[in-house]
Amino acid sequence: MNTTSIKLMGMAAVVAFTMSCKDAQNEVEATAAEAEAQATVESITYKVDTAASNIAWVGSKPTADHTGNISLTSGMVTVNGESLESGEFTIDMKSIEVTDIEGEGAMKLKNHLSGTVEGTETDFFNVNKYPTAKFVVTGIEGNMLSGNLTLKDVTKNVTFAVTVAYDGDKMMLDSEEFTINRTDWGIKYGSQTFSDKVLDSAIADDIKLTVNLVATK
């Protein structure tokens, strides 16, 4: 195979990778932060059950996907009738766990994502400097929930589909899987968009998230 053919194949692979990122399912647009939603005096406050709630994540590279969970430290939502009005929850970034691999490999990836190994602090989430992240509701229209997501020191507004259900004093809020672009929050390590990484070693900009909240009166 000549050099020209190799170059053309490489270019085609890069294009395919770029297109797959742009076509990610339920990819949300990160926009400027908006004003927080306000509760009415008639609303009832539900406290998030952190033990029963979590955020599932999927990160990708050309050869594999990695999956995991992140826990919450606290949260609340206000409800008027059965309509969600406002809310916020705090995400425990130190709780990042990896679920698709075990043992030393899982710990190595967790430590890299957390930035707890010297020299990797700023690669991803730098949890010692930024131990929590935050989501604050800015509005809900139909089944579309909007809120300000703060990761590290960047706040962006995102909108994604949710279902809300009630069972006695319990409220359950579950999102569809949605995709954010990590570089919108300044997390650029391994991104082909911001480096000369070759396709085989690049890490996808997209992170898939699924939010599952349980809250009680």
C-alpha atoms as a PDB file:
ATOM      1  CA  MET A   1       0.000   0.000   0.000  1.00  0.00           C
ATOM      2  CA  ASN A   2       1.483   3.352  -0.992  1.00  0.00           C
ATOM      3  CA  THR A   3       1.798   6.445   1.205  1.00  0.00           C
ATOM      4  CA  THR A   4      -1.056   8.256  -0.536  1.00  0.00           C
ATOM      5  CA  SER A   5      -3.479   5.395   0.183  1.00  0.00           C
ATOM      6  CA  ILE A   6      -2.490   5.317   3.836  1.00  0.00           C
ATOM      7  CA  LYS A   7      -3.050   9.062   4.149  1.00  0.00           C
ATOM      8  CA  LEU A   8      -6.463   8.815   2.485  1.00  0.00           C
ATOM      9  CA  MET A   9      -7.519   5.986   4.802  1.00  0.00           C
ATOM     10  CA  GLY A  10      -6.404   8.027   7.808  1.00  0.00           C
ATOM     11  CA  MET A  11      -8.369  11.048   6.628  1.00  0.00           C
ATOM     12  CA  ALA A  12     -11.469   8.907   6.091  1.00  0.00           C
ATOM     13  CA  ALA A  13     -11.181   7.481   9.605  1.00  0.00           C
ATOM     14  CA  VAL A  14     -10.903  10.974  11.103  1.00  0.00           C
ATOM     15  CA  VAL A  15     -13.974  12.138   9.166  1.00  0.00           C
ATOM     16  CA  ALA A  16     -15.968   9.091  10.283  1.00  0.00           C
ATOM     17  CA  PHE A  17     -14.962   9.647  13.920  1.00  0.00           C
ATOM     18  CA  THR A  18     -15.890  13.341  13.733  1.00  0.00           C
ATOM     19  CA  MET A  19     -19.267  12.608  12.157  1.00  0.00           C
ATOM     20  CA  SER A  20     -20.084   9.961  14.768  1.00  0.00           C
ATOM     21  CA  CYS A  21     -19.403  12.503  17.530  1.00  0.00           C
ATOM     22  CA  LYS A  22     -21.650  15.099  15.927  1.00  0.00           C
ATOM     23  CA  ASP A  23     -24.437  12.572  15.446  1.00  0.00           C
ATOM     24  CA  ALA A  24     -24.410  11.362  19.059  1.00  0.00           C
ATOM     25  CA  GLN A  25     -27.877  10.470  20.299  1.00  0.00           C
ATOM     26  CA  ASN A  26     -29.663  13.195  22.270  1.00  0.00           C
ATOM     27  CA  GLU A  27     -26.638  15.489  22.184  1.00  0.00           C
ATOM     28  CA  VAL A  28     -27.492  18.653  24.093  1.00  0.00           C
ATOM     29  CA  GLU A  29     -26.291  22.129  23.264  1.00  0.00           C
ATOM     30  CA  ALA A  30     -24.426  23.858  26.064  1.00  0.00           C
ATOM     31  CA  THR A  31     -25.457  27.511  26.227  1.00  0.00           C
ATOM     32  CA  ALA A  32     -24.897  30.454  28.561  1.00  0.00           C
ATOM     33  CA  ALA A  33     -26.091  30.080  32.157  1.00  0.00           C
ATOM     34  CA  GLU A  34     -29.649  31.211  32.851  1.00  0.00           C
ATOM     35  CA  ALA A  35     -31.565  32.477  35.883  1.00  0.00           C
ATOM     36  CA  GLU A  36     -32.554  29.844  38.421  1.00  0.00           C
ATOM     37  CA  ALA A  37     -36.177  28.718  38.543  1.00  0.00           C
ATOM     38  CA  GLN A  38     -38.131  30.004  41.557  1.00  0.00           C
ATOM     39  CA  ALA A  39     -40.570  28.033  43.678  1.00  0.00           C
ATOM     40  CA  THR A  40     -44.045  29.350  44.472  1.00  0.00           C
ATOM     41  CA  VAL A  41     -45.333  29.602  48.023  1.00  0.00           C
ATOM     42  CA  GLU A  42     -47.689  26.684  47.338  1.00  0.00           C
ATOM     43  CA  SER A  43     -44.875  24.317  46.421  1.00  0.00           C
ATOM     44  CA  ILE A  44     -43.740  21.344  48.478  1.00  0.00           C
ATOM     45  CA  THR A  45     -40.072  20.511  48.956  1.00  0.00           C
ATOM     46  CA  TYR A  46     -38.745  17.022  48.317  1.00  0.00           C
ATOM     47  CA  LYS A  47     -35.294  16.063  49.605  1.00  0.00           C
ATOM     48  CA  VAL A  48     -33.149  13.932  47.329  1.00  0.00           C
ATOM     49  CA  ASP A  49     -32.400  10.442  48.657  1.00  0.00           C
ATOM     50  CA  THR A  50     -28.698  10.344  47.812  1.00  0.00           C
ATOM     51  CA  ALA A  51     -28.414   6.602  48.515  1.00  0.00           C
ATOM     52  CA  ALA A  52     -31.093   5.835  45.911  1.00  0.00           C
ATOM     53  CA  SER A  53     -29.968   8.387  43.307  1.00  0.00           C
ATOM     54  CA  ASN A  54     -27.077   8.431  40.870  1.00  0.00           C
ATOM     55  CA  ILE A  55     -25.732   9.615  37.536  1.00  0.00           C
ATOM     56  CA  ALA A  56     -24.532   6.968  35.094  1.00  0.00           C
ATOM     57  CA  TRP A  57     -21.853   7.925  32.555  1.00  0.00           C
ATOM     58  CA  VAL A  58     -20.333   6.505  29.389  1.00  0.00           C
ATOM     59  CA  GLY A  59     -17.026   7.724  27.970  1.00  0.00           C
ATOM     60  CA  SER A  60     -15.655   6.521  24.647  1.00  0.00           C
ATOM     61  CA  LYS A  61     -12.519   6.036  22.621  1.00  0.00           C
ATOM     62  CA  PRO A  62     -12.255   4.327  19.219  1.00  0.00           C
ATOM     63  CA  THR A  63     -11.459   0.922  20.689  1.00  0.00           C
ATOM     64  CA  ALA A  64     -13.845   0.773  23.675  1.00  0.00           C
ATOM     65  CA  ASP A  65     -16.429   2.421  25.893  1.00  0.00           C
ATOM     66  CA  HIS A  66     -16.003   2.904  29.624  1.00  0.00           C
ATOM     67  CA  THR A  67     -18.992   3.105  31.967  1.00  0.00           C
ATOM     68  CA  GLY A  68     -19.492   4.193  35.542  1.00  0.00           C
ATOM     69  CA  ASN A  69     -21.531   6.041  38.137  1.00  0.00           C
ATOM     70  CA  ILE A  70     -21.322   9.224  40.173  1.00  0.00           C
ATOM     71  CA  SER A  71     -23.140   9.792  43.465  1.00  0.00           C
ATOM     72  CA  LEU A  72     -24.868  12.859  44.864  1.00  0.00           C
ATOM     73  CA  THR A  73     -24.088  14.557  48.164  1.00  0.00           C
ATOM     74  CA  SER A  74     -27.368  16.466  48.525  1.00  0.00           C
ATOM     75  CA  GLY A  75     -30.306  17.853  46.598  1.00  0.00           C
ATOM     76  CA  MET A  76     -33.871  19.111  46.658  1.00  0.00           C
ATOM     77  CA  VAL A  77     -36.726  19.798  44.278  1.00  0.00           C
ATOM     78  CA  THR A  78     -39.915  21.786  44.758  1.00  0.00           C
ATOM     79  CA  VAL A  79     -43.212  20.539  43.384  1.00  0.00           C
ATOM     80  CA  ASN A  80     -46.573  22.283  42.975  1.00  0.00           C
ATOM     81  CA  GLY A  81     -49.239  19.636  42.570  1.00  0.00           C
ATOM     82  CA  GLU A  82     -47.337  17.242  40.345  1.00  0.00           C
ATOM     83  CA  SER A  83     -45.410  19.941  38.480  1.00  0.00           C
ATOM     84  CA  LEU A  84     -41.725  20.355  39.204  1.00  0.00           C
ATOM     85  CA  GLU A  85     -40.929  24.041  39.763  1.00  0.00           C
ATOM     86  CA  SER A  86     -37.321  24.325  40.911  1.00  0.00           C
ATOM     87  CA  GLY A  87     -34.484  22.354  42.354  1.00  0.00           C
ATOM     88  CA  GLU A  88     -30.792  21.712  42.609  1.00  0.00           C
ATOM     89  CA  PHE A  89     -28.446  18.894  43.448  1.00  0.00           C
ATOM     90  CA  THR A  90     -24.785  18.614  44.320  1.00  0.00           C
ATOM     91  CA  ILE A  91     -22.655  15.938  42.662  1.00  0.00           C
ATOM     92  CA  ASP A  92     -19.871  14.193  44.566  1.00  0.00           C
ATOM     93  CA  MET A  93     -17.030  14.168  42.027  1.00  0.00           C
ATOM     94  CA  LYS A  94     -14.824  12.149  44.383  1.00  0.00           C
ATOM     95  CA  SER A  95     -17.339   9.298  44.095  1.00  0.00           C
ATOM     96  CA  ILE A  96     -16.570   8.613  40.414  1.00  0.00           C
ATOM     97  CA  GLU A  97     -16.509   4.854  39.866  1.00  0.00           C
ATOM     98  CA  VAL A  98     -15.746   2.678  36.851  1.00  0.00           C
ATOM     99  CA  THR A  99     -18.035  -0.299  36.221  1.00  0.00           C
ATOM    100  CA  ASP A 100     -16.926  -1.903  32.948  1.00  0.00           C
ATOM    101  CA  ILE A 101     -13.549  -3.106  34.249  1.00  0.00           C
ATOM    102  CA  GLU A 102     -12.286  -4.271  37.624  1.00  0.00           C
ATOM    103  CA  GLY A 103      -9.194  -4.318  39.756  1.00  0.00           C
ATOM    104  CA  GLU A 104      -6.071  -2.332  38.933  1.00  0.00           C
ATOM    105  CA  GLY A 105      -7.416  -1.156  35.561  1.00  0.00           C
ATOM    106  CA  ALA A 106     -10.544   0.323  37.115  1.00  0.00           C
ATOM    107  CA  MET A 107      -8.552   2.061  39.848  1.00  0.00           C
ATOM    108  CA  LYS A 108      -6.069   3.465  37.330  1.00  0.00           C
ATOM    109  CA  LEU A 109      -8.888   4.941  35.224  1.00  0.00           C
ATOM    110  CA  LYS A 110     -10.690   6.297  38.294  1.00  0.00           C
ATOM    111  CA  ASN A 111      -7.509   7.987  39.484  1.00  0.00           C
ATOM    112  CA  HIS A 112      -6.894   9.508  36.062  1.00  0.00           C
ATOM    113  CA  LEU A 113     -10.437  10.856  35.796  1.00  0.00           C
ATOM    114  CA  SER A 114     -10.193  12.160  39.358  1.00  0.00           C
ATOM    115  CA  GLY A 115      -6.771  13.721  38.818  1.00  0.00           C
ATOM    116  CA  THR A 116      -5.412  12.284  42.040  1.00  0.00           C
ATOM    117  CA  VAL A 117      -2.078  11.154  40.559  1.00  0.00           C
ATOM    118  CA  GLU A 118       0.641  13.780  40.324  1.00  0.00           C
ATOM    119  CA  GLY A 119       0.808  15.217  36.824  1.00  0.00           C
ATOM    120  CA  THR A 120      -2.782  14.294  35.915  1.00  0.00           C
ATOM    121  CA  GLU A 121      -4.598  16.846  38.076  1.00  0.00           C
ATOM    122  CA  THR A 122      -5.884  19.002  35.217  1.00  0.00           C
ATOM    123  CA  ASP A 123      -6.516  16.230  32.667  1.00  0.00           C
ATOM    124  CA  PHE A 124     -10.140  15.672  33.662  1.00  0.00           C
ATOM    125  CA  PHE A 125     -11.993  16.616  36.865  1.00  0.00           C
ATOM    126  CA  ASN A 126      -9.295  17.521  39.432  1.00  0.00           C
ATOM    127  CA  VAL A 127     -11.487  16.421  42.327  1.00  0.00           C
ATOM    128  CA  ASN A 128      -9.183  17.653  45.071  1.00  0.00           C
ATOM    129  CA  LYS A 129      -9.624  21.214  43.805  1.00  0.00           C
ATOM    130  CA  TYR A 130     -13.224  20.721  42.600  1.00  0.00           C
ATOM    131  CA  PRO A 131     -14.742  18.057  44.889  1.00  0.00           C
ATOM    132  CA  THR A 132     -18.319  18.789  43.792  1.00  0.00           C
ATOM    133  CA  ALA A 133     -20.268  19.723  40.684  1.00  0.00           C
ATOM    134  CA  LYS A 134     -23.748  21.214  40.647  1.00  0.00           C
ATOM    135  CA  PHE A 135     -26.978  21.232  38.651  1.00  0.00           C
ATOM    136  CA  VAL A 136     -29.585  23.964  39.247  1.00  0.00           C
ATOM    137  CA  VAL A 137     -32.995  23.881  37.537  1.00  0.00           C
ATOM    138  CA  THR A 138     -33.738  26.887  35.340  1.00  0.00           C
ATOM    139  CA  GLY A 139     -37.024  25.691  33.849  1.00  0.00           C
ATOM    140  CA  ILE A 140     -39.139  22.783  32.628  1.00  0.00           C
ATOM    141  CA  GLU A 141     -41.337  22.722  29.553  1.00  0.00           C
ATOM    142  CA  GLY A 142     -43.281  19.548  28.885  1.00  0.00           C
ATOM    143  CA  ASN A 143     -40.813  16.744  29.530  1.00  0.00           C
ATOM    144  CA  MET A 144     -37.749  18.899  28.821  1.00  0.00           C
ATOM    145  CA  LEU A 145     -35.757  19.929  31.888  1.00  0.00           C
ATOM    146  CA  SER A 146     -33.282  22.816  31.669  1.00  0.00           C
ATOM    147  CA  GLY A 147     -30.609  23.677  34.189  1.00  0.00           C
ATOM    148  CA  ASN A 148     -27.199  25.163  34.835  1.00  0.00           C
ATOM    149  CA  LEU A 149     -24.533  22.452  35.039  1.00  0.00           C
ATOM    150  CA  THR A 150     -21.322  23.530  36.769  1.00  0.00           C
ATOM    151  CA  LEU A 151     -18.241  21.369  36.228  1.00  0.00           C
ATOM    152  CA  LYS A 152     -14.970  22.626  37.688  1.00  0.00           C
ATOM    153  CA  ASP A 153     -15.284  26.411  37.298  1.00  0.00           C
ATOM    154  CA  VAL A 154     -17.486  26.500  34.181  1.00  0.00           C
ATOM    155  CA  THR A 155     -21.292  26.811  34.184  1.00  0.00           C
ATOM    156  CA  LYS A 156     -23.380  26.020  31.103  1.00  0.00           C
ATOM    157  CA  ASN A 157     -27.109  25.567  30.565  1.00  0.00           C
ATOM    158  CA  VAL A 158     -28.311  22.232  29.199  1.00  0.00           C
ATOM    159  CA  THR A 159     -31.730  20.791  28.352  1.00  0.00           C
ATOM    160  CA  PHE A 160     -32.659  17.090  28.309  1.00  0.00           C
ATOM    161  CA  ALA A 161     -35.753  14.869  28.421  1.00  0.00           C
ATOM    162  CA  VAL A 162     -37.013  13.498  31.747  1.00  0.00           C
ATOM    163  CA  THR A 163     -39.927  11.558  33.142  1.00  0.00           C
ATOM    164  CA  VAL A 164     -41.323  12.374  36.584  1.00  0.00           C
ATOM    165  CA  ALA A 165     -43.447   9.950  38.607  1.00  0.00           C
ATOM    166  CA  TYR A 166     -44.891   9.904  42.120  1.00  0.00           C
ATOM    167  CA  ASP A 167     -45.513   7.115  44.613  1.00  0.00           C
ATOM    168  CA  GLY A 168     -46.938   8.331  47.908  1.00  0.00           C
ATOM    169  CA  ASP A 169     -44.369  10.675  49.468  1.00  0.00           C
ATOM    170  CA  LYS A 170     -41.759   9.699  46.902  1.00  0.00           C
ATOM    171  CA  MET A 171     -40.890  11.412  43.620  1.00  0.00           C
ATOM    172  CA  MET A 172     -38.780   9.767  40.910  1.00  0.00           C
ATOM    173  CA  LEU A 173     -37.085  11.780  38.154  1.00  0.00           C
ATOM    174  CA  ASP A 174     -35.346   9.819  35.415  1.00  0.00           C
ATOM    175  CA  SER A 175     -33.675  11.269  32.354  1.00  0.00           C
ATOM    176  CA  GLU A 176     -33.245   9.718  28.960  1.00  0.00           C
ATOM    177  CA  GLU A 177     -29.603   9.148  28.103  1.00  0.00           C
ATOM    178  CA  PHE A 178     -28.208  12.414  26.797  1.00  0.00           C
ATOM    179  CA  THR A 179     -24.808  13.553  25.567  1.00  0.00           C
ATOM    180  CA  ILE A 180     -22.713  16.547  26.553  1.00  0.00           C
ATOM    181  CA  ASN A 181     -19.475  17.731  24.966  1.00  0.00           C
ATOM    182  CA  ARG A 182     -16.889  17.802  27.755  1.00  0.00           C
ATOM    183  CA  THR A 183     -14.829  20.464  25.990  1.00  0.00           C
ATOM    184  CA  ASP A 184     -17.670  22.955  26.582  1.00  0.00           C
ATOM    185  CA  TRP A 185     -16.549  22.805  30.232  1.00  0.00           C
ATOM    186  CA  GLY A 186     -12.867  23.138  29.356  1.00  0.00           C
ATOM    187  CA  ILE A 187     -12.051  19.420  29.700  1.00  0.00           C
ATOM    188  CA  LYS A 188      -9.848  18.922  26.647  1.00  0.00           C
ATOM    189  CA  TYR A 189      -7.427  16.130  27.559  1.00  0.00           C
ATOM    190  CA  GLY A 190      -7.003  13.644  24.704  1.00  0.00           C
ATOM    191  CA  SER A 191      -9.458  15.498  22.492  1.00  0.00           C
ATOM    192  CA  GLN A 192      -8.666  15.346  18.802  1.00  0.00           C
ATOM    193  CA  THR A 193     -10.415  18.702  18.442  1.00  0.00           C
ATOM    194  CA  PHE A 194      -7.780  20.489  20.523  1.00  0.00           C
ATOM    195  CA  SER A 195      -4.644  18.441  19.891  1.00  0.00           C
ATOM    196  CA  ASP A 196      -2.799  16.512  17.228  1.00  0.00           C
ATOM    197  CA  LYS A 197      -3.865  13.189  18.712  1.00  0.00           C
ATOM    198  CA  VAL A 198      -4.200  10.474  16.076  1.00  0.00           C
ATOM    199  CA  LEU A 199      -7.552   8.750  15.819  1.00  0.00           C
ATOM    200  CA  ASP A 200      -6.542   5.542  17.587  1.00  0.00           C
ATOM    201  CA  SER A 201      -5.410   7.388  20.726  1.00  0.00           C
ATOM    202  CA  ALA A 202      -8.041  10.138  20.844  1.00  0.00           C
ATOM    203  CA  ILE A 203     -10.732  10.249  23.525  1.00  0.00           C
ATOM    204  CA  ALA A 204     -14.219  11.231  22.397  1.00  0.00           C
ATOM    205  CA  ASP A 205     -15.391  14.704  23.365  1.00  0.00           C
ATOM    206  CA  ASP A 206     -18.855  13.318  24.083  1.00  0.00           C
ATOM    207  CA  ILE A 207     -19.902  11.959  27.480  1.00  0.00           C
ATOM    208  CA  LYS A 208     -23.250  10.171  27.764  1.00  0.00           C
ATOM    209  CA  LEU A 209     -25.170  10.762  30.997  1.00  0.00           C
ATOM    210  CA  THR A 210     -28.311   9.311  32.570  1.00  0.00           C
ATOM    211  CA  VAL A 211     -29.745  10.940  35.700  1.00  0.00           C
ATOM    212  CA  ASN A 212     -31.847   8.941  38.192  1.00  0.00           C
ATOM    213  CA  LEU A 213     -33.194  10.861  41.183  1.00  0.00           C
ATOM    214  CA  VAL A 214     -35.362   9.704  44.057  1.00  0.00           C
ATOM    215  CA  ALA A 215     -36.682  12.365  46.455  1.00  0.00           C
ATOM    216  CA  THR A 216     -39.081  12.283  49.402  1.00  0.00           C
ATOM    217  CA  LYS A 217     -41.226  14.862  51.210  1.00  0.00           C
END
